[in-house]
Amino acid sequence: MNAQYTYDHDVDILTIRLQEGKFEDGDEIAPGLVAAYDSEGNLLELELRNIHRIAEANFDSRQLKAAA
């Protein structure tokens, strides 16, 4: 499975689904970054919260428009 990306504009969350599986546990591994795992500890998904704030702090507006 290739990574799948979804963005929820209403809550400003970018989700990166790395592989299929049933979610068992999740941890906030850094401020605004949540990792979700299956029962065997395999990383299934990353969730980046407040992604616009993070992106604006790290990229200029031309890079953000080009990525959209």
PDB file of N, CA and C in Angstrom:
ATOM      1  N   MET A   1       0.843  -1.187   0.000  1.00  0.00           N
ATOM      2  CA  MET A   1       0.000   0.000   0.000  1.00  0.00           C
ATOM      3  C   MET A   1       0.883   1.242   0.000  1.00  0.00           C
ATOM      4  N   ASN A   2       0.606   2.149  -0.896  1.00  0.00           N
ATOM      5  CA  ASN A   2       1.268   3.449  -0.877  1.00  0.00           C
ATOM      6  C   ASN A   2       0.626   4.311   0.197  1.00  0.00           C
ATOM      7  N   ALA A   3       1.372   5.223   0.747  1.00  0.00           N
ATOM      8  CA  ALA A   3       0.829   6.122   1.756  1.00  0.00           C
ATOM      9  C   ALA A   3      -0.329   6.918   1.165  1.00  0.00           C
ATOM     10  N   GLN A   4      -1.361   7.100   1.962  1.00  0.00           N
ATOM     11  CA  GLN A   4      -2.525   7.877   1.551  1.00  0.00           C
ATOM     12  C   GLN A   4      -2.628   9.105   2.442  1.00  0.00           C
ATOM     13  N   TYR A   5      -2.916  10.238   1.835  1.00  0.00           N
ATOM     14  CA  TYR A   5      -2.990  11.504   2.549  1.00  0.00           C
ATOM     15  C   TYR A   5      -4.409  12.036   2.508  1.00  0.00           C
ATOM     16  N   THR A   6      -4.906  12.517   3.631  1.00  0.00           N
ATOM     17  CA  THR A   6      -6.191  13.202   3.670  1.00  0.00           C
ATOM     18  C   THR A   6      -6.033  14.446   4.530  1.00  0.00           C
ATOM     19  N   TYR A   7      -6.799  15.462   4.193  1.00  0.00           N
ATOM     20  CA  TYR A   7      -6.776  16.699   4.954  1.00  0.00           C
ATOM     21  C   TYR A   7      -8.207  17.061   5.337  1.00  0.00           C
ATOM     22  N   ASP A   8      -8.419  17.312   6.616  1.00  0.00           N
ATOM     23  CA  ASP A   8      -9.721  17.752   7.114  1.00  0.00           C
ATOM     24  C   ASP A   8      -9.622  19.237   7.430  1.00  0.00           C
ATOM     25  N   HIS A   9     -10.185  20.045   6.549  1.00  0.00           N
ATOM     26  CA  HIS A   9     -10.099  21.498   6.674  1.00  0.00           C
ATOM     27  C   HIS A   9     -10.779  22.004   7.940  1.00  0.00           C
ATOM     28  N   ASP A  10     -11.891  21.375   8.326  1.00  0.00           N
ATOM     29  CA  ASP A  10     -12.648  21.845   9.486  1.00  0.00           C
ATOM     30  C   ASP A  10     -11.843  21.804  10.777  1.00  0.00           C
ATOM     31  N   VAL A  11     -10.992  20.811  10.935  1.00  0.00           N
ATOM     32  CA  VAL A  11     -10.196  20.683  12.159  1.00  0.00           C
ATOM     33  C   VAL A  11      -8.707  20.894  11.913  1.00  0.00           C
ATOM     34  N   ASP A  12      -8.315  21.181  10.661  1.00  0.00           N
ATOM     35  CA  ASP A  12      -6.933  21.471  10.265  1.00  0.00           C
ATOM     36  C   ASP A  12      -5.983  20.325  10.638  1.00  0.00           C
ATOM     37  N   ILE A  13      -6.363  19.101  10.174  1.00  0.00           N
ATOM     38  CA  ILE A  13      -5.560  17.916  10.445  1.00  0.00           C
ATOM     39  C   ILE A  13      -5.193  17.230   9.133  1.00  0.00           C
ATOM     40  N   LEU A  14      -3.905  16.961   8.966  1.00  0.00           N
ATOM     41  CA  LEU A  14      -3.404  16.169   7.850  1.00  0.00           C
ATOM     42  C   LEU A  14      -3.141  14.762   8.379  1.00  0.00           C
ATOM     43  N   THR A  15      -3.751  13.770   7.734  1.00  0.00           N
ATOM     44  CA  THR A  15      -3.572  12.378   8.134  1.00  0.00           C
ATOM     45  C   THR A  15      -2.809  11.652   7.043  1.00  0.00           C
ATOM     46  N   ILE A  16      -1.783  10.932   7.443  1.00  0.00           N
ATOM     47  CA  ILE A  16      -0.979  10.127   6.522  1.00  0.00           C
ATOM     48  C   ILE A  16      -1.153   8.675   6.936  1.00  0.00           C
ATOM     49  N   ARG A  17      -1.858   7.927   6.107  1.00  0.00           N
ATOM     50  CA  ARG A  17      -2.101   6.500   6.376  1.00  0.00           C
ATOM     51  C   ARG A  17      -0.984   5.710   5.708  1.00  0.00           C
ATOM     52  N   LEU A  18      -0.179   5.025   6.495  1.00  0.00           N
ATOM     53  CA  LEU A  18       0.996   4.334   5.991  1.00  0.00           C
ATOM     54  C   LEU A  18       0.714   2.900   5.577  1.00  0.00           C
ATOM     55  N   GLN A  19      -0.193   2.244   6.296  1.00  0.00           N
ATOM     56  CA  GLN A  19      -0.540   0.869   5.962  1.00  0.00           C
ATOM     57  C   GLN A  19      -1.900   0.528   6.559  1.00  0.00           C
ATOM     58  N   GLU A  20      -2.523  -0.509   6.009  1.00  0.00           N
ATOM     59  CA  GLU A  20      -3.810  -0.969   6.497  1.00  0.00           C
ATOM     60  C   GLU A  20      -3.624  -1.686   7.825  1.00  0.00           C
ATOM     61  N   GLY A  21      -4.662  -1.706   8.629  1.00  0.00           N
ATOM     62  CA  GLY A  21      -4.637  -2.429   9.890  1.00  0.00           C
ATOM     63  C   GLY A  21      -5.659  -1.857  10.840  1.00  0.00           C
ATOM     64  N   LYS A  22      -5.851  -2.554  11.931  1.00  0.00           N
ATOM     65  CA  LYS A  22      -6.802  -2.140  12.958  1.00  0.00           C
ATOM     66  C   LYS A  22      -6.066  -1.345  14.033  1.00  0.00           C
ATOM     67  N   PHE A  23      -6.542  -0.140  14.298  1.00  0.00           N
ATOM     68  CA  PHE A  23      -5.911   0.713  15.301  1.00  0.00           C
ATOM     69  C   PHE A  23      -6.097   0.123  16.692  1.00  0.00           C
ATOM     70  N   GLU A  24      -5.009   0.090  17.428  1.00  0.00           N
ATOM     71  CA  GLU A  24      -5.043  -0.413  18.794  1.00  0.00           C
ATOM     72  C   GLU A  24      -4.650   0.668  19.793  1.00  0.00           C
ATOM     73  N   ASP A  25      -3.680   1.517  19.413  1.00  0.00           N
ATOM     74  CA  ASP A  25      -3.136   2.489  20.348  1.00  0.00           C
ATOM     75  C   ASP A  25      -2.647   3.707  19.583  1.00  0.00           C
ATOM     76  N   GLY A  26      -2.616   4.832  20.251  1.00  0.00           N
ATOM     77  CA  GLY A  26      -2.090   6.053  19.668  1.00  0.00           C
ATOM     78  C   GLY A  26      -1.379   6.878  20.717  1.00  0.00           C
ATOM     79  N   ASP A  27      -0.341   7.579  20.304  1.00  0.00           N
ATOM     80  CA  ASP A  27       0.446   8.409  21.216  1.00  0.00           C
ATOM     81  C   ASP A  27       0.745   9.743  20.547  1.00  0.00           C
ATOM     82  N   GLU A  28       0.689  10.807  21.343  1.00  0.00           N
ATOM     83  CA  GLU A  28       1.170  12.091  20.850  1.00  0.00           C
ATOM     84  C   GLU A  28       2.682  12.080  21.049  1.00  0.00           C
ATOM     85  N   ILE A  29       3.419  11.918  19.947  1.00  0.00           N
ATOM     86  CA  ILE A  29       4.865  11.750  20.034  1.00  0.00           C
ATOM     87  C   ILE A  29       5.620  13.076  20.003  1.00  0.00           C
ATOM     88  N   ALA A  30       4.927  14.138  19.627  1.00  0.00           N
ATOM     89  CA  ALA A  30       5.445  15.503  19.649  1.00  0.00           C
ATOM     90  C   ALA A  30       4.221  16.409  19.649  1.00  0.00           C
ATOM     91  N   PRO A  31       4.372  17.661  20.040  1.00  0.00           N
ATOM     92  CA  PRO A  31       3.207  18.549  20.023  1.00  0.00           C
ATOM     93  C   PRO A  31       2.562  18.593  18.631  1.00  0.00           C
ATOM     94  N   GLY A  32       1.293  18.187  18.569  1.00  0.00           N
ATOM     95  CA  GLY A  32       0.554  18.213  17.310  1.00  0.00           C
ATOM     96  C   GLY A  32       0.818  17.029  16.396  1.00  0.00           C
ATOM     97  N   LEU A  33       1.577  16.033  16.840  1.00  0.00           N
ATOM     98  CA  LEU A  33       1.876  14.866  16.013  1.00  0.00           C
ATOM     99  C   LEU A  33       1.467  13.599  16.764  1.00  0.00           C
ATOM    100  N   VAL A  34       0.466  12.898  16.206  1.00  0.00           N
ATOM    101  CA  VAL A  34      -0.056  11.688  16.827  1.00  0.00           C
ATOM    102  C   VAL A  34       0.276  10.503  15.932  1.00  0.00           C
ATOM    103  N   ALA A  35       0.806   9.446  16.543  1.00  0.00           N
ATOM    104  CA  ALA A  35       1.117   8.208  15.830  1.00  0.00           C
ATOM    105  C   ALA A  35       0.133   7.140  16.292  1.00  0.00           C
ATOM    106  N   ALA A  36      -0.423   6.387  15.338  1.00  0.00           N
ATOM    107  CA  ALA A  36      -1.371   5.316  15.648  1.00  0.00           C
ATOM    108  C   ALA A  36      -0.754   3.976  15.266  1.00  0.00           C
ATOM    109  N   TYR A  37      -0.938   2.993  16.131  1.00  0.00           N
ATOM    110  CA  TYR A  37      -0.309   1.682  15.973  1.00  0.00           C
ATOM    111  C   TYR A  37      -1.350   0.561  16.009  1.00  0.00           C
ATOM    112  N   ASP A  38      -0.981  -0.590  15.455  1.00  0.00           N
ATOM    113  CA  ASP A  38      -1.816  -1.771  15.590  1.00  0.00           C
ATOM    114  C   ASP A  38      -1.406  -2.530  16.858  1.00  0.00           C
ATOM    115  N   SER A  39      -2.034  -3.682  17.117  1.00  0.00           N
ATOM    116  CA  SER A  39      -1.772  -4.428  18.344  1.00  0.00           C
ATOM    117  C   SER A  39      -0.344  -4.983  18.421  1.00  0.00           C
ATOM    118  N   GLU A  40       0.342  -5.052  17.290  1.00  0.00           N
ATOM    119  CA  GLU A  40       1.723  -5.543  17.267  1.00  0.00           C
ATOM    120  C   GLU A  40       2.745  -4.410  17.322  1.00  0.00           C
ATOM    121  N   GLY A  41       2.258  -3.176  17.415  1.00  0.00           N
ATOM    122  CA  GLY A  41       3.148  -2.026  17.500  1.00  0.00           C
ATOM    123  C   GLY A  41       3.589  -1.459  16.175  1.00  0.00           C
ATOM    124  N   ASN A  42       2.985  -1.921  15.080  1.00  0.00           N
ATOM    125  CA  ASN A  42       3.319  -1.389  13.756  1.00  0.00           C
ATOM    126  C   ASN A  42       2.668  -0.025  13.566  1.00  0.00           C
ATOM    127  N   LEU A  43       3.414   0.920  13.041  1.00  0.00           N
ATOM    128  CA  LEU A  43       2.904   2.260  12.782  1.00  0.00           C
ATOM    129  C   LEU A  43       1.947   2.219  11.600  1.00  0.00           C
ATOM    130  N   LEU A  44       0.696   2.640  11.832  1.00  0.00           N
ATOM    131  CA  LEU A  44      -0.313   2.642  10.781  1.00  0.00           C
ATOM    132  C   LEU A  44      -0.566   4.030  10.211  1.00  0.00           C
ATOM    133  N   GLU A  45      -0.499   5.041  11.061  1.00  0.00           N
ATOM    134  CA  GLU A  45      -0.951   6.370  10.641  1.00  0.00           C
ATOM    135  C   GLU A  45      -0.262   7.449  11.456  1.00  0.00           C
ATOM    136  N   LEU A  46      -0.022   8.582  10.799  1.00  0.00           N
ATOM    137  CA  LEU A  46       0.445   9.794  11.467  1.00  0.00           C
ATOM    138  C   LEU A  46      -0.607  10.868  11.274  1.00  0.00           C
ATOM    139  N   GLU A  47      -0.862  11.615  12.321  1.00  0.00           N
ATOM    140  CA  GLU A  47      -1.837  12.693  12.266  1.00  0.00           C
ATOM    141  C   GLU A  47      -1.141  13.973  12.686  1.00  0.00           C
ATOM    142  N   LEU A  48      -1.122  14.956  11.798  1.00  0.00           N
ATOM    143  CA  LEU A  48      -0.500  16.251  12.076  1.00  0.00           C
ATOM    144  C   LEU A  48      -1.602  17.268  12.330  1.00  0.00           C
ATOM    145  N   ARG A  49      -1.675  17.728  13.554  1.00  0.00           N
ATOM    146  CA  ARG A  49      -2.727  18.674  13.954  1.00  0.00           C
ATOM    147  C   ARG A  49      -2.241  20.102  13.795  1.00  0.00           C
ATOM    148  N   ASN A  50      -3.173  21.015  13.472  1.00  0.00           N
ATOM    149  CA  ASN A  50      -2.848  22.430  13.239  1.00  0.00           C
ATOM    150  C   ASN A  50      -1.785  22.571  12.161  1.00  0.00           C
ATOM    151  N   ILE A  51      -1.966  21.845  11.079  1.00  0.00           N
ATOM    152  CA  ILE A  51      -0.949  21.764  10.030  1.00  0.00           C
ATOM    153  C   ILE A  51      -0.656  23.115   9.378  1.00  0.00           C
ATOM    154  N   HIS A  52      -1.641  23.986   9.239  1.00  0.00           N
ATOM    155  CA  HIS A  52      -1.370  25.293   8.638  1.00  0.00           C
ATOM    156  C   HIS A  52      -0.414  26.120   9.485  1.00  0.00           C
ATOM    157  N   ARG A  53      -0.578  26.076  10.780  1.00  0.00           N
ATOM    158  CA  ARG A  53       0.317  26.823  11.677  1.00  0.00           C
ATOM    159  C   ARG A  53       1.739  26.279  11.566  1.00  0.00           C
ATOM    160  N   ILE A  54       1.865  24.958  11.521  1.00  0.00           N
ATOM    161  CA  ILE A  54       3.185  24.337  11.390  1.00  0.00           C
ATOM    162  C   ILE A  54       3.811  24.694  10.044  1.00  0.00           C
ATOM    163  N   ALA A  55       3.023  24.587   8.980  1.00  0.00           N
ATOM    164  CA  ALA A  55       3.535  24.861   7.641  1.00  0.00           C
ATOM    165  C   ALA A  55       3.950  26.319   7.491  1.00  0.00           C
ATOM    166  N   GLU A  56       3.147  27.234   8.002  1.00  0.00           N
ATOM    167  CA  GLU A  56       3.477  28.651   7.886  1.00  0.00           C
ATOM    168  C   GLU A  56       4.752  29.000   8.643  1.00  0.00           C
ATOM    169  N   ALA A  57       5.030  28.283   9.703  1.00  0.00           N
ATOM    170  CA  ALA A  57       6.241  28.548  10.480  1.00  0.00           C
ATOM    171  C   ALA A  57       7.486  28.004   9.787  1.00  0.00           C
ATOM    172  N   ASN A  58       7.314  27.057   8.844  1.00  0.00           N
ATOM    173  CA  ASN A  58       8.458  26.386   8.239  1.00  0.00           C
ATOM    174  C   ASN A  58       8.640  26.624   6.742  1.00  0.00           C
ATOM    175  N   PHE A  59       7.632  27.172   6.071  1.00  0.00           N
ATOM    176  CA  PHE A  59       7.703  27.398   4.629  1.00  0.00           C
ATOM    177  C   PHE A  59       7.164  28.775   4.305  1.00  0.00           C
ATOM    178  N   ASP A  60       7.641  29.347   3.213  1.00  0.00           N
ATOM    179  CA  ASP A  60       7.045  30.607   2.802  1.00  0.00           C
ATOM    180  C   ASP A  60       5.802  30.322   1.958  1.00  0.00           C
ATOM    181  N   SER A  61       5.000  31.324   1.713  1.00  0.00           N
ATOM    182  CA  SER A  61       3.710  31.142   1.056  1.00  0.00           C
ATOM    183  C   SER A  61       3.841  30.590  -0.353  1.00  0.00           C
ATOM    184  N   ARG A  62       4.935  30.857  -1.056  1.00  0.00           N
ATOM    185  CA  ARG A  62       5.106  30.309  -2.425  1.00  0.00           C
ATOM    186  C   ARG A  62       5.225  28.799  -2.382  1.00  0.00           C
ATOM    187  N   GLN A  63       5.924  28.251  -1.403  1.00  0.00           N
ATOM    188  CA  GLN A  63       6.053  26.804  -1.292  1.00  0.00           C
ATOM    189  C   GLN A  63       4.709  26.164  -0.949  1.00  0.00           C
ATOM    190  N   LEU A  64       3.929  26.814  -0.084  1.00  0.00           N
ATOM    191  CA  LEU A  64       2.626  26.255   0.281  1.00  0.00           C
ATOM    192  C   LEU A  64       1.682  26.224  -0.904  1.00  0.00           C
ATOM    193  N   LYS A  65       1.671  27.277  -1.731  1.00  0.00           N
ATOM    194  CA  LYS A  65       0.798  27.318  -2.904  1.00  0.00           C
ATOM    195  C   LYS A  65       1.229  26.282  -3.936  1.00  0.00           C
ATOM    196  N   ALA A  66       2.516  26.072  -4.090  1.00  0.00           N
ATOM    197  CA  ALA A  66       3.010  25.099  -5.067  1.00  0.00           C
ATOM    198  C   ALA A  66       2.653  23.678  -4.643  1.00  0.00           C
ATOM    199  N   ALA A  67       2.588  23.421  -3.365  1.00  0.00           N
ATOM    200  CA  ALA A  67       2.276  22.084  -2.864  1.00  0.00           C
ATOM    201  C   ALA A  67       0.793  21.782  -2.928  1.00  0.00           C
ATOM    202  N   ALA A  68      -0.034  22.795  -2.999  1.00  0.00           N
ATOM    203  CA  ALA A  68      -1.508  22.598  -2.980  1.00  0.00           C
ATOM    204  C   ALA A  68      -2.023  22.032  -4.276  1.00  0.00           C
TER     205      ALA A  68
END
